[in-house]
Amino acid sequence: QVQLVESGGGLVQAGGSLRLSCAASGSGFVINAMGWYQEAPGKQRELVAQIAGDGSTNYADSVKGRFSISRDNAKNTVYLQMNSLKPEDTAVYYCNARIVRERAEYLYWGQGTQVTVSS
């Protein structure tokens, strides 16, 4: 089985920084794209950033220039560096990964980590 385990959330003041991590555990798989989503109270889950297997990235307009996604393939881990945080960034952040196992691709989600930005 494959599991995604997130860490790094917390409470920070506006203008501060946080770094989220998401590690995939298990064996016998290859990870394609990985991404981070946010889900604010009363809102749908939305894409924040994603990174493909070749390292190419895509960001939501609201976080461009402030957030940076990266991955360490040796550790099966994706990171989200969040700088210049704003109160509107407050949300539960979920990572996901498209993982190939037994010749089929599956979409996995982490359990979510809370990020709260105070004004």
PDB file of N, CA and C in Angstrom:
ATOM      1  N   GLN A   1       0.829  -1.198   0.000  1.00  0.00           N
ATOM      2  CA  GLN A   1       0.000   0.000   0.000  1.00  0.00           C
ATOM      3  C   GLN A   1       0.863   1.248   0.000  1.00  0.00           C
ATOM      4  N   VAL A   2       0.317   2.310  -0.580  1.00  0.00           N
ATOM      5  CA  VAL A   2       1.018   3.587  -0.617  1.00  0.00           C
ATOM      6  C   VAL A   2       0.285   4.562   0.278  1.00  0.00           C
ATOM      7  N   GLN A   3       1.035   5.300   1.067  1.00  0.00           N
ATOM      8  CA  GLN A   3       0.460   6.344   1.904  1.00  0.00           C
ATOM      9  C   GLN A   3       1.221   7.640   1.703  1.00  0.00           C
ATOM     10  N   LEU A   4       0.491   8.743   1.746  1.00  0.00           N
ATOM     11  CA  LEU A   4       1.097  10.071   1.717  1.00  0.00           C
ATOM     12  C   LEU A   4       0.954  10.676   3.101  1.00  0.00           C
ATOM     13  N   VAL A   5       2.072  11.088   3.676  1.00  0.00           N
ATOM     14  CA  VAL A   5       2.065  11.648   5.025  1.00  0.00           C
ATOM     15  C   VAL A   5       2.586  13.075   4.956  1.00  0.00           C
ATOM     16  N   GLU A   6       1.744  13.993   5.400  1.00  0.00           N
ATOM     17  CA  GLU A   6       2.085  15.407   5.345  1.00  0.00           C
ATOM     18  C   GLU A   6       2.577  15.903   6.697  1.00  0.00           C
ATOM     19  N   SER A   7       3.359  16.977   6.653  1.00  0.00           N
ATOM     20  CA  SER A   7       3.816  17.626   7.878  1.00  0.00           C
ATOM     21  C   SER A   7       4.168  19.066   7.558  1.00  0.00           C
ATOM     22  N   GLY A   8       4.297  19.882   8.616  1.00  0.00           N
ATOM     23  CA  GLY A   8       4.781  21.237   8.443  1.00  0.00           C
ATOM     24  C   GLY A   8       3.755  22.334   8.602  1.00  0.00           C
ATOM     25  N   GLY A   9       2.492  21.983   8.777  1.00  0.00           N
ATOM     26  CA  GLY A   9       1.489  23.012   8.961  1.00  0.00           C
ATOM     27  C   GLY A   9       1.613  23.667  10.330  1.00  0.00           C
ATOM     28  N   GLY A  10       0.809  24.709  10.548  1.00  0.00           N
ATOM     29  CA  GLY A  10       0.840  25.381  11.832  1.00  0.00           C
ATOM     30  C   GLY A  10       0.245  26.767  11.766  1.00  0.00           C
ATOM     31  N   LEU A  11       0.502  27.527  12.813  1.00  0.00           N
ATOM     32  CA  LEU A  11       0.011  28.893  12.941  1.00  0.00           C
ATOM     33  C   LEU A  11       1.177  29.845  12.721  1.00  0.00           C
ATOM     34  N   VAL A  12       0.959  30.835  11.867  1.00  0.00           N
ATOM     35  CA  VAL A  12       2.005  31.802  11.556  1.00  0.00           C
ATOM     36  C   VAL A  12       1.363  33.163  11.357  1.00  0.00           C
ATOM     37  N   GLN A  13       2.115  34.200  11.627  1.00  0.00           N
ATOM     38  CA  GLN A  13       1.619  35.551  11.409  1.00  0.00           C
ATOM     39  C   GLN A  13       1.725  35.920   9.933  1.00  0.00           C
ATOM     40  N   ALA A  14       0.895  36.841   9.533  1.00  0.00           N
ATOM     41  CA  ALA A  14       0.948  37.326   8.153  1.00  0.00           C
ATOM     42  C   ALA A  14       2.356  37.826   7.838  1.00  0.00           C
ATOM     43  N   GLY A  15       2.815  37.472   6.639  1.00  0.00           N
ATOM     44  CA  GLY A  15       4.170  37.815   6.240  1.00  0.00           C
ATOM     45  C   GLY A  15       5.196  36.748   6.553  1.00  0.00           C
ATOM     46  N   GLY A  16       4.793  35.777   7.334  1.00  0.00           N
ATOM     47  CA  GLY A  16       5.701  34.703   7.722  1.00  0.00           C
ATOM     48  C   GLY A  16       5.790  33.613   6.673  1.00  0.00           C
ATOM     49  N   SER A  17       6.512  32.551   7.034  1.00  0.00           N
ATOM     50  CA  SER A  17       6.764  31.449   6.097  1.00  0.00           C
ATOM     51  C   SER A  17       6.507  30.109   6.774  1.00  0.00           C
ATOM     52  N   LEU A  18       6.137  29.144   5.967  1.00  0.00           N
ATOM     53  CA  LEU A  18       6.019  27.755   6.394  1.00  0.00           C
ATOM     54  C   LEU A  18       6.501  26.872   5.253  1.00  0.00           C
ATOM     55  N   ARG A  19       6.981  25.685   5.621  1.00  0.00           N
ATOM     56  CA  ARG A  19       7.355  24.703   4.615  1.00  0.00           C
ATOM     57  C   ARG A  19       6.609  23.407   4.891  1.00  0.00           C
ATOM     58  N   LEU A  20       5.801  22.998   3.934  1.00  0.00           N
ATOM     59  CA  LEU A  20       5.066  21.743   4.035  1.00  0.00           C
ATOM     60  C   LEU A  20       5.840  20.627   3.342  1.00  0.00           C
ATOM     61  N   SER A  21       5.727  19.435   3.906  1.00  0.00           N
ATOM     62  CA  SER A  21       6.347  18.258   3.303  1.00  0.00           C
ATOM     63  C   SER A  21       5.300  17.167   3.152  1.00  0.00           C
ATOM     64  N   CYS A  22       5.478  16.347   2.151  1.00  0.00           N
ATOM     65  CA  CYS A  22       4.581  15.218   1.925  1.00  0.00           C
ATOM     66  C   CYS A  22       5.417  14.062   1.405  1.00  0.00           C
ATOM     67  N   ALA A  23       5.481  12.995   2.183  1.00  0.00           N
ATOM     68  CA  ALA A  23       6.303  11.843   1.817  1.00  0.00           C
ATOM     69  C   ALA A  23       5.427  10.644   1.481  1.00  0.00           C
ATOM     70  N   ALA A  24       5.766   9.975   0.406  1.00  0.00           N
ATOM     71  CA  ALA A  24       5.064   8.753   0.008  1.00  0.00           C
ATOM     72  C   ALA A  24       5.805   7.546   0.561  1.00  0.00           C
ATOM     73  N   SER A  25       5.077   6.708   1.265  1.00  0.00           N
ATOM     74  CA  SER A  25       5.681   5.502   1.831  1.00  0.00           C
ATOM     75  C   SER A  25       5.149   4.267   1.128  1.00  0.00           C
ATOM     76  N   GLY A  26       5.907   3.204   1.190  1.00  0.00           N
ATOM     77  CA  GLY A  26       5.520   1.980   0.517  1.00  0.00           C
ATOM     78  C   GLY A  26       6.627   1.557  -0.432  1.00  0.00           C
ATOM     79  N   SER A  27       6.322   0.613  -1.286  1.00  0.00           N
ATOM     80  CA  SER A  27       7.331   0.144  -2.230  1.00  0.00           C
ATOM     81  C   SER A  27       6.663  -0.315  -3.528  1.00  0.00           C
ATOM     82  N   GLY A  28       7.479  -0.464  -4.542  1.00  0.00           N
ATOM     83  CA  GLY A  28       6.984  -0.993  -5.803  1.00  0.00           C
ATOM     84  C   GLY A  28       6.165  -0.005  -6.614  1.00  0.00           C
ATOM     85  N   PHE A  29       6.488   1.280  -6.507  1.00  0.00           N
ATOM     86  CA  PHE A  29       5.729   2.262  -7.263  1.00  0.00           C
ATOM     87  C   PHE A  29       6.652   3.315  -7.859  1.00  0.00           C
ATOM     88  N   VAL A  30       6.101   4.043  -8.838  1.00  0.00           N
ATOM     89  CA  VAL A  30       6.779   5.183  -9.446  1.00  0.00           C
ATOM     90  C   VAL A  30       5.834   6.376  -9.342  1.00  0.00           C
ATOM     91  N   ILE A  31       6.352   7.508  -8.943  1.00  0.00           N
ATOM     92  CA  ILE A  31       5.525   8.700  -8.785  1.00  0.00           C
ATOM     93  C   ILE A  31       5.642   9.575 -10.019  1.00  0.00           C
ATOM     94  N   ASN A  32       4.516   9.917 -10.578  1.00  0.00           N
ATOM     95  CA  ASN A  32       4.483  10.880 -11.683  1.00  0.00           C
ATOM     96  C   ASN A  32       4.305  12.275 -11.108  1.00  0.00           C
ATOM     97  N   ALA A  33       3.199  12.918 -11.373  1.00  0.00           N
ATOM     98  CA  ALA A  33       2.985  14.281 -10.879  1.00  0.00           C
ATOM     99  C   ALA A  33       2.631  14.276  -9.401  1.00  0.00           C
ATOM    100  N   MET A  34       3.004  15.363  -8.723  1.00  0.00           N
ATOM    101  CA  MET A  34       2.641  15.581  -7.324  1.00  0.00           C
ATOM    102  C   MET A  34       2.114  16.998  -7.204  1.00  0.00           C
ATOM    103  N   GLY A  35       1.249  17.210  -6.238  1.00  0.00           N
ATOM    104  CA  GLY A  35       0.668  18.530  -6.130  1.00  0.00           C
ATOM    105  C   GLY A  35       0.195  18.858  -4.723  1.00  0.00           C
ATOM    106  N   TRP A  36      -0.109  20.123  -4.546  1.00  0.00           N
ATOM    107  CA  TRP A  36      -0.684  20.627  -3.284  1.00  0.00           C
ATOM    108  C   TRP A  36      -1.990  21.344  -3.590  1.00  0.00           C
ATOM    109  N   TYR A  37      -2.984  21.097  -2.750  1.00  0.00           N
ATOM    110  CA  TYR A  37      -4.292  21.723  -2.866  1.00  0.00           C
ATOM    111  C   TYR A  37      -4.631  22.358  -1.529  1.00  0.00           C
ATOM    112  N   GLN A  38      -5.503  23.363  -1.573  1.00  0.00           N
ATOM    113  CA  GLN A  38      -5.981  23.964  -0.346  1.00  0.00           C
ATOM    114  C   GLN A  38      -7.499  23.896  -0.295  1.00  0.00           C
ATOM    115  N   GLU A  39      -7.998  23.727   0.922  1.00  0.00           N
ATOM    116  CA  GLU A  39      -9.448  23.687   1.127  1.00  0.00           C
ATOM    117  C   GLU A  39      -9.769  24.593   2.305  1.00  0.00           C
ATOM    118  N   ALA A  40     -10.306  25.765   1.988  1.00  0.00           N
ATOM    119  CA  ALA A  40     -10.695  26.722   3.019  1.00  0.00           C
ATOM    120  C   ALA A  40     -12.119  26.425   3.468  1.00  0.00           C
ATOM    121  N   PRO A  41     -12.498  26.847   4.673  1.00  0.00           N
ATOM    122  CA  PRO A  41     -13.853  26.593   5.176  1.00  0.00           C
ATOM    123  C   PRO A  41     -14.916  27.117   4.212  1.00  0.00           C
ATOM    124  N   GLY A  42     -15.833  26.256   3.841  1.00  0.00           N
ATOM    125  CA  GLY A  42     -16.927  26.650   2.969  1.00  0.00           C
ATOM    126  C   GLY A  42     -16.571  26.741   1.504  1.00  0.00           C
ATOM    127  N   LYS A  43     -15.343  26.368   1.156  1.00  0.00           N
ATOM    128  CA  LYS A  43     -14.911  26.444  -0.241  1.00  0.00           C
ATOM    129  C   LYS A  43     -14.496  25.078  -0.755  1.00  0.00           C
ATOM    130  N   GLN A  44     -14.466  24.964  -2.076  1.00  0.00           N
ATOM    131  CA  GLN A  44     -14.019  23.718  -2.675  1.00  0.00           C
ATOM    132  C   GLN A  44     -12.494  23.618  -2.617  1.00  0.00           C
ATOM    133  N   ARG A  45     -12.019  22.411  -2.709  1.00  0.00           N
ATOM    134  CA  ARG A  45     -10.587  22.170  -2.745  1.00  0.00           C
ATOM    135  C   ARG A  45     -10.042  22.703  -4.075  1.00  0.00           C
ATOM    136  N   GLU A  46      -8.968  23.482  -3.981  1.00  0.00           N
ATOM    137  CA  GLU A  46      -8.407  24.129  -5.163  1.00  0.00           C
ATOM    138  C   GLU A  46      -6.914  23.836  -5.294  1.00  0.00           C
ATOM    139  N   LEU A  47      -6.467  23.775  -6.523  1.00  0.00           N
ATOM    140  CA  LEU A  47      -5.053  23.545  -6.786  1.00  0.00           C
ATOM    141  C   LEU A  47      -4.227  24.748  -6.341  1.00  0.00           C
ATOM    142  N   VAL A  48      -3.148  24.474  -5.649  1.00  0.00           N
ATOM    143  CA  VAL A  48      -2.182  25.504  -5.279  1.00  0.00           C
ATOM    144  C   VAL A  48      -0.966  25.436  -6.209  1.00  0.00           C
ATOM    145  N   ALA A  49      -0.393  24.255  -6.319  1.00  0.00           N
ATOM    146  CA  ALA A  49       0.801  24.078  -7.143  1.00  0.00           C
ATOM    147  C   ALA A  49       0.954  22.601  -7.487  1.00  0.00           C
ATOM    148  N   GLN A  50       1.564  22.334  -8.609  1.00  0.00           N
ATOM    149  CA  GLN A  50       1.851  20.955  -8.988  1.00  0.00           C
ATOM    150  C   GLN A  50       3.184  20.882  -9.698  1.00  0.00           C
ATOM    151  N   ILE A  51       3.793  19.707  -9.615  1.00  0.00           N
ATOM    152  CA  ILE A  51       5.097  19.494 -10.227  1.00  0.00           C
ATOM    153  C   ILE A  51       5.065  18.145 -10.932  1.00  0.00           C
ATOM    154  N   ALA A  52       5.459  18.165 -12.193  1.00  0.00           N
ATOM    155  CA  ALA A  52       5.441  16.954 -12.993  1.00  0.00           C
ATOM    156  C   ALA A  52       6.714  16.128 -12.744  1.00  0.00           C
ATOM    157  N   GLY A  53       6.710  14.950 -13.335  1.00  0.00           N
ATOM    158  CA  GLY A  53       7.871  14.081 -13.182  1.00  0.00           C
ATOM    159  C   GLY A  53       9.140  14.682 -13.757  1.00  0.00           C
ATOM    160  N   ASP A  54       8.992  15.543 -14.772  1.00  0.00           N
ATOM    161  CA  ASP A  54      10.172  16.176 -15.373  1.00  0.00           C
ATOM    162  C   ASP A  54      10.582  17.449 -14.654  1.00  0.00           C
ATOM    163  N   GLY A  55       9.860  17.780 -13.569  1.00  0.00           N
ATOM    164  CA  GLY A  55      10.207  18.951 -12.781  1.00  0.00           C
ATOM    165  C   GLY A  55       9.490  20.225 -13.172  1.00  0.00           C
ATOM    166  N   SER A  56       8.698  20.189 -14.225  1.00  0.00           N
ATOM    167  CA  SER A  56       7.962  21.384 -14.621  1.00  0.00           C
ATOM    168  C   SER A  56       6.880  21.669 -13.588  1.00  0.00           C
ATOM    169  N   THR A  57       6.593  22.945 -13.386  1.00  0.00           N
ATOM    170  CA  THR A  57       5.685  23.350 -12.312  1.00  0.00           C
ATOM    171  C   THR A  57       4.539  24.210 -12.834  1.00  0.00           C
ATOM    172  N   ASN A  58       3.490  24.269 -12.028  1.00  0.00           N
ATOM    173  CA  ASN A  58       2.318  25.068 -12.336  1.00  0.00           C
ATOM    174  C   ASN A  58       1.778  25.609 -11.026  1.00  0.00           C
ATOM    175  N   TYR A  59       1.391  26.891 -10.992  1.00  0.00           N
ATOM    176  CA  TYR A  59       0.921  27.529  -9.769  1.00  0.00           C
ATOM    177  C   TYR A  59      -0.411  28.231  -9.985  1.00  0.00           C
ATOM    178  N   ALA A  60      -1.198  28.279  -8.929  1.00  0.00           N
ATOM    179  CA  ALA A  60      -2.378  29.126  -8.938  1.00  0.00           C
ATOM    180  C   ALA A  60      -1.912  30.580  -8.963  1.00  0.00           C
ATOM    181  N   ASP A  61      -2.691  31.435  -9.622  1.00  0.00           N
ATOM    182  CA  ASP A  61      -2.305  32.845  -9.720  1.00  0.00           C
ATOM    183  C   ASP A  61      -2.132  33.488  -8.346  1.00  0.00           C
ATOM    184  N   SER A  62      -2.938  33.045  -7.390  1.00  0.00           N
ATOM    185  CA  SER A  62      -2.928  33.672  -6.069  1.00  0.00           C
ATOM    186  C   SER A  62      -1.634  33.427  -5.296  1.00  0.00           C
ATOM    187  N   VAL A  63      -0.846  32.445  -5.698  1.00  0.00           N
ATOM    188  CA  VAL A  63       0.373  32.136  -4.946  1.00  0.00           C
ATOM    189  C   VAL A  63       1.644  32.345  -5.759  1.00  0.00           C
ATOM    190  N   LYS A  64       1.508  32.721  -7.012  1.00  0.00           N
ATOM    191  CA  LYS A  64       2.699  32.933  -7.833  1.00  0.00           C
ATOM    192  C   LYS A  64       3.603  33.996  -7.214  1.00  0.00           C
ATOM    193  N   GLY A  65       4.898  33.675  -7.172  1.00  0.00           N
ATOM    194  CA  GLY A  65       5.862  34.603  -6.590  1.00  0.00           C
ATOM    195  C   GLY A  65       6.005  34.479  -5.085  1.00  0.00           C
ATOM    196  N   ARG A  66       5.087  33.738  -4.442  1.00  0.00           N
ATOM    197  CA  ARG A  66       5.157  33.574  -2.983  1.00  0.00           C
ATOM    198  C   ARG A  66       5.425  32.121  -2.585  1.00  0.00           C
ATOM    199  N   PHE A  67       4.854  31.193  -3.299  1.00  0.00           N
ATOM    200  CA  PHE A  67       4.994  29.765  -2.990  1.00  0.00           C
ATOM    201  C   PHE A  67       5.897  29.110  -4.017  1.00  0.00           C
ATOM    202  N   SER A  68       6.582  28.049  -3.563  1.00  0.00           N
ATOM    203  CA  SER A  68       7.454  27.301  -4.454  1.00  0.00           C
ATOM    204  C   SER A  68       7.327  25.806  -4.164  1.00  0.00           C
ATOM    205  N   ILE A  69       7.052  25.038  -5.197  1.00  0.00           N
ATOM    206  CA  ILE A  69       6.933  23.593  -5.045  1.00  0.00           C
ATOM    207  C   ILE A  69       8.204  22.930  -5.558  1.00  0.00           C
ATOM    208  N   SER A  70       8.615  21.890  -4.874  1.00  0.00           N
ATOM    209  CA  SER A  70       9.803  21.147  -5.299  1.00  0.00           C
ATOM    210  C   SER A  70       9.628  19.691  -4.875  1.00  0.00           C
ATOM    211  N   ARG A  71      10.486  18.821  -5.387  1.00  0.00           N
ATOM    212  CA  ARG A  71      10.384  17.416  -5.033  1.00  0.00           C
ATOM    213  C   ARG A  71      11.765  16.800  -4.923  1.00  0.00           C
ATOM    214  N   ASP A  72      11.858  15.793  -4.067  1.00  0.00           N
ATOM    215  CA  ASP A  72      13.081  15.009  -3.919  1.00  0.00           C
ATOM    216  C   ASP A  72      12.712  13.582  -4.291  1.00  0.00           C
ATOM    217  N   ASN A  73      13.059  13.181  -5.498  1.00  0.00           N
ATOM    218  CA  ASN A  73      12.644  11.871  -5.980  1.00  0.00           C
ATOM    219  C   ASN A  73      13.279  10.730  -5.185  1.00  0.00           C
ATOM    220  N   ALA A  74      14.472  10.948  -4.667  1.00  0.00           N
ATOM    221  CA  ALA A  74      15.134   9.903  -3.885  1.00  0.00           C
ATOM    222  C   ALA A  74      14.381   9.622  -2.586  1.00  0.00           C
ATOM    223  N   LYS A  75      13.685  10.641  -2.088  1.00  0.00           N
ATOM    224  CA  LYS A  75      12.926  10.503  -0.840  1.00  0.00           C
ATOM    225  C   LYS A  75      11.431  10.379  -1.074  1.00  0.00           C
ATOM    226  N   ASN A  76      11.008  10.371  -2.341  1.00  0.00           N
ATOM    227  CA  ASN A  76       9.575  10.310  -2.672  1.00  0.00           C
ATOM    228  C   ASN A  76       8.799  11.388  -1.927  1.00  0.00           C
ATOM    229  N   THR A  77       9.352  12.576  -1.912  1.00  0.00           N
ATOM    230  CA  THR A  77       8.789  13.662  -1.121  1.00  0.00           C
ATOM    231  C   THR A  77       8.596  14.909  -1.975  1.00  0.00           C
ATOM    232  N   VAL A  78       7.482  15.596  -1.712  1.00  0.00           N
ATOM    233  CA  VAL A  78       7.207  16.876  -2.345  1.00  0.00           C
ATOM    234  C   VAL A  78       7.120  17.932  -1.246  1.00  0.00           C
ATOM    235  N   TYR A  79       7.593  19.124  -1.556  1.00  0.00           N
ATOM    236  CA  TYR A  79       7.616  20.223  -0.603  1.00  0.00           C
ATOM    237  C   TYR A  79       6.838  21.410  -1.150  1.00  0.00           C
ATOM    238  N   LEU A  80       6.329  22.228  -0.234  1.00  0.00           N
ATOM    239  CA  LEU A  80       5.712  23.490  -0.600  1.00  0.00           C
ATOM    240  C   LEU A  80       6.276  24.553   0.333  1.00  0.00           C
ATOM    241  N   GLN A  81       7.132  25.408  -0.221  1.00  0.00           N
ATOM    242  CA  GLN A  81       7.665  26.530   0.539  1.00  0.00           C
ATOM    243  C   GLN A  81       6.707  27.695   0.374  1.00  0.00           C
ATOM    244  N   MET A  82       6.167  28.167   1.489  1.00  0.00           N
ATOM    245  CA  MET A  82       5.173  29.239   1.457  1.00  0.00           C
ATOM    246  C   MET A  82       5.764  30.462   2.143  1.00  0.00           C
ATOM    247  N   ASN A  83       5.959  31.512   1.385  1.00  0.00           N
ATOM    248  CA  ASN A  83       6.499  32.770   1.903  1.00  0.00           C
ATOM    249  C   ASN A  83       5.454  33.880   1.798  1.00  0.00           C
ATOM    250  N   SER A  84       5.686  34.960   2.515  1.00  0.00           N
ATOM    251  CA  SER A  84       4.779  36.118   2.482  1.00  0.00           C
ATOM    252  C   SER A  84       3.334  35.677   2.661  1.00  0.00           C
ATOM    253  N   LEU A  85       3.093  34.860   3.657  1.00  0.00           N
ATOM    254  CA  LEU A  85       1.768  34.306   3.869  1.00  0.00           C
ATOM    255  C   LEU A  85       0.760  35.378   4.224  1.00  0.00           C
ATOM    256  N   LYS A  86      -0.470  35.167   3.750  1.00  0.00           N
ATOM    257  CA  LYS A  86      -1.570  36.092   3.974  1.00  0.00           C
ATOM    258  C   LYS A  86      -2.683  35.365   4.726  1.00  0.00           C
ATOM    259  N   PRO A  87      -3.536  36.105   5.424  1.00  0.00           N
ATOM    260  CA  PRO A  87      -4.670  35.442   6.113  1.00  0.00           C
ATOM    261  C   PRO A  87      -5.526  34.619   5.161  1.00  0.00           C
ATOM    262  N   GLU A  88      -5.653  35.046   3.933  1.00  0.00           N
ATOM    263  CA  GLU A  88      -6.467  34.292   2.966  1.00  0.00           C
ATOM    264  C   GLU A  88      -5.828  32.977   2.535  1.00  0.00           C
ATOM    265  N   ASP A  89      -4.586  32.728   2.944  1.00  0.00           N
ATOM    266  CA  ASP A  89      -3.958  31.437   2.678  1.00  0.00           C
ATOM    267  C   ASP A  89      -4.383  30.387   3.708  1.00  0.00           C
ATOM    268  N   THR A  90      -5.118  30.822   4.740  1.00  0.00           N
ATOM    269  CA  THR A  90      -5.570  29.895   5.771  1.00  0.00           C
ATOM    270  C   THR A  90      -6.468  28.817   5.165  1.00  0.00           C
ATOM    271  N   ALA A  91      -6.092  27.561   5.392  1.00  0.00           N
ATOM    272  CA  ALA A  91      -6.819  26.434   4.801  1.00  0.00           C
ATOM    273  C   ALA A  91      -6.184  25.134   5.289  1.00  0.00           C
ATOM    274  N   VAL A  92      -6.867  24.044   5.000  1.00  0.00           N
ATOM    275  CA  VAL A  92      -6.235  22.738   5.122  1.00  0.00           C
ATOM    276  C   VAL A  92      -5.548  22.458   3.789  1.00  0.00           C
ATOM    277  N   TYR A  93      -4.297  22.077   3.858  1.00  0.00           N
ATOM    278  CA  TYR A  93      -3.517  21.805   2.653  1.00  0.00           C
ATOM    279  C   TYR A  93      -3.348  20.299   2.493  1.00  0.00           C
ATOM    280  N   TYR A  94      -3.676  19.824   1.305  1.00  0.00           N
ATOM    281  CA  TYR A  94      -3.584  18.400   0.980  1.00  0.00           C
ATOM    282  C   TYR A  94      -2.561  18.199  -0.141  1.00  0.00           C
ATOM    283  N   CYS A  95      -1.754  17.172   0.001  1.00  0.00           N
ATOM    284  CA  CYS A  95      -0.916  16.815  -1.131  1.00  0.00           C
ATOM    285  C   CYS A  95      -1.547  15.640  -1.869  1.00  0.00           C
ATOM    286  N   ASN A  96      -1.232  15.535  -3.135  1.00  0.00           N
ATOM    287  CA  ASN A  96      -1.639  14.347  -3.880  1.00  0.00           C
ATOM    288  C   ASN A  96      -0.511  13.897  -4.785  1.00  0.00           C
ATOM    289  N   ALA A  97      -0.634  12.686  -5.250  1.00  0.00           N
ATOM    290  CA  ALA A  97       0.393  12.136  -6.119  1.00  0.00           C
ATOM    291  C   ALA A  97      -0.240  11.134  -7.071  1.00  0.00           C
ATOM    292  N   ARG A  98       0.173  11.197  -8.307  1.00  0.00           N
ATOM    293  CA  ARG A  98      -0.230  10.200  -9.302  1.00  0.00           C
ATOM    294  C   ARG A  98       0.848   9.136  -9.319  1.00  0.00           C
ATOM    295  N   ILE A  99       0.469   7.950  -8.882  1.00  0.00           N
ATOM    296  CA  ILE A  99       1.441   6.890  -8.642  1.00  0.00           C
ATOM    297  C   ILE A  99       1.117   5.688  -9.504  1.00  0.00           C
ATOM    298  N   VAL A 100       2.156   5.163 -10.142  1.00  0.00           N
ATOM    299  CA  VAL A 100       2.003   3.984 -10.987  1.00  0.00           C
ATOM    300  C   VAL A 100       2.403   2.758 -10.178  1.00  0.00           C
ATOM    301  N   ARG A 101       1.451   1.831 -10.068  1.00  0.00           N
ATOM    302  CA  ARG A 101       1.692   0.539  -9.414  1.00  0.00           C
ATOM    303  C   ARG A 101       1.091  -0.536 -10.276  1.00  0.00           C
ATOM    304  N   GLU A 102       1.811  -1.598 -10.503  1.00  0.00           N
ATOM    305  CA  GLU A 102       1.290  -2.736 -11.256  1.00  0.00           C
ATOM    306  C   GLU A 102       0.685  -2.276 -12.576  1.00  0.00           C
ATOM    307  N   ARG A 103       1.383  -1.389 -13.259  1.00  0.00           N
ATOM    308  CA  ARG A 103       1.052  -0.926 -14.611  1.00  0.00           C
ATOM    309  C   ARG A 103      -0.199  -0.064 -14.668  1.00  0.00           C
ATOM    310  N   ALA A 104      -0.704   0.377 -13.551  1.00  0.00           N
ATOM    311  CA  ALA A 104      -1.860   1.264 -13.548  1.00  0.00           C
ATOM    312  C   ALA A 104      -1.530   2.503 -12.723  1.00  0.00           C
ATOM    313  N   GLU A 105      -2.133   3.638 -13.086  1.00  0.00           N
ATOM    314  CA  GLU A 105      -1.906   4.877 -12.366  1.00  0.00           C
ATOM    315  C   GLU A 105      -3.058   5.150 -11.418  1.00  0.00           C
ATOM    316  N   TYR A 106      -2.708   5.519 -10.198  1.00  0.00           N
ATOM    317  CA  TYR A 106      -3.694   5.822  -9.174  1.00  0.00           C
ATOM    318  C   TYR A 106      -3.422   7.205  -8.606  1.00  0.00           C
ATOM    319  N   LEU A 107      -4.481   7.842  -8.117  1.00  0.00           N
ATOM    320  CA  LEU A 107      -4.349   9.140  -7.471  1.00  0.00           C
ATOM    321  C   LEU A 107      -4.487   8.950  -5.968  1.00  0.00           C
ATOM    322  N   TYR A 108      -3.453   9.350  -5.235  1.00  0.00           N
ATOM    323  CA  TYR A 108      -3.460   9.248  -3.784  1.00  0.00           C
ATOM    324  C   TYR A 108      -3.503  10.643  -3.168  1.00  0.00           C
ATOM    325  N   TRP A 109      -4.117  10.726  -1.981  1.00  0.00           N
ATOM    326  CA  TRP A 109      -4.213  11.974  -1.228  1.00  0.00           C
ATOM    327  C   TRP A 109      -3.625  11.781   0.160  1.00  0.00           C
ATOM    328  N   GLY A 110      -3.031  12.864   0.669  1.00  0.00           N
ATOM    329  CA  GLY A 110      -2.617  12.876   2.052  1.00  0.00           C
ATOM    330  C   GLY A 110      -3.791  13.208   2.962  1.00  0.00           C
ATOM    331  N   GLN A 111      -3.543  13.220   4.262  1.00  0.00           N
ATOM    332  CA  GLN A 111      -4.606  13.422   5.241  1.00  0.00           C
ATOM    333  C   GLN A 111      -4.901  14.886   5.483  1.00  0.00           C
ATOM    334  N   GLY A 112      -4.048  15.762   4.988  1.00  0.00           N
ATOM    335  CA  GLY A 112      -4.260  17.194   5.162  1.00  0.00           C
ATOM    336  C   GLY A 112      -3.499  17.750   6.351  1.00  0.00           C
ATOM    337  N   THR A 113      -3.073  18.989   6.225  1.00  0.00           N
ATOM    338  CA  THR A 113      -2.399  19.671   7.329  1.00  0.00           C
ATOM    339  C   THR A 113      -2.914  21.109   7.382  1.00  0.00           C
ATOM    340  N   GLN A 114      -3.231  21.561   8.567  1.00  0.00           N
ATOM    341  CA  GLN A 114      -3.847  22.887   8.745  1.00  0.00           C
ATOM    342  C   GLN A 114      -2.783  23.975   8.713  1.00  0.00           C
ATOM    343  N   VAL A 115      -3.069  25.001   7.931  1.00  0.00           N
ATOM    344  CA  VAL A 115      -2.241  26.209   7.910  1.00  0.00           C
ATOM    345  C   VAL A 115      -3.147  27.370   8.303  1.00  0.00           C
ATOM    346  N   THR A 116      -2.764  28.077   9.339  1.00  0.00           N
ATOM    347  CA  THR A 116      -3.531  29.226   9.809  1.00  0.00           C
ATOM    348  C   THR A 116      -2.623  30.443   9.831  1.00  0.00           C
ATOM    349  N   VAL A 117      -3.059  31.493   9.130  1.00  0.00           N
ATOM    350  CA  VAL A 117      -2.276  32.728   9.055  1.00  0.00           C
ATOM    351  C   VAL A 117      -3.062  33.819   9.766  1.00  0.00           C
ATOM    352  N   SER A 118      -2.486  34.351  10.812  1.00  0.00           N
ATOM    353  CA  SER A 118      -3.159  35.394  11.582  1.00  0.00           C
ATOM    354  C   SER A 118      -2.754  36.774  11.064  1.00  0.00           C
ATOM    355  N   SER A 119      -3.684  37.699  11.182  1.00  0.00           N
ATOM    356  CA  SER A 119      -3.421  39.055  10.671  1.00  0.00           C
ATOM    357  C   SER A 119      -2.793  39.929  11.741  1.00  0.00           C
TER     358      SER A 119
END
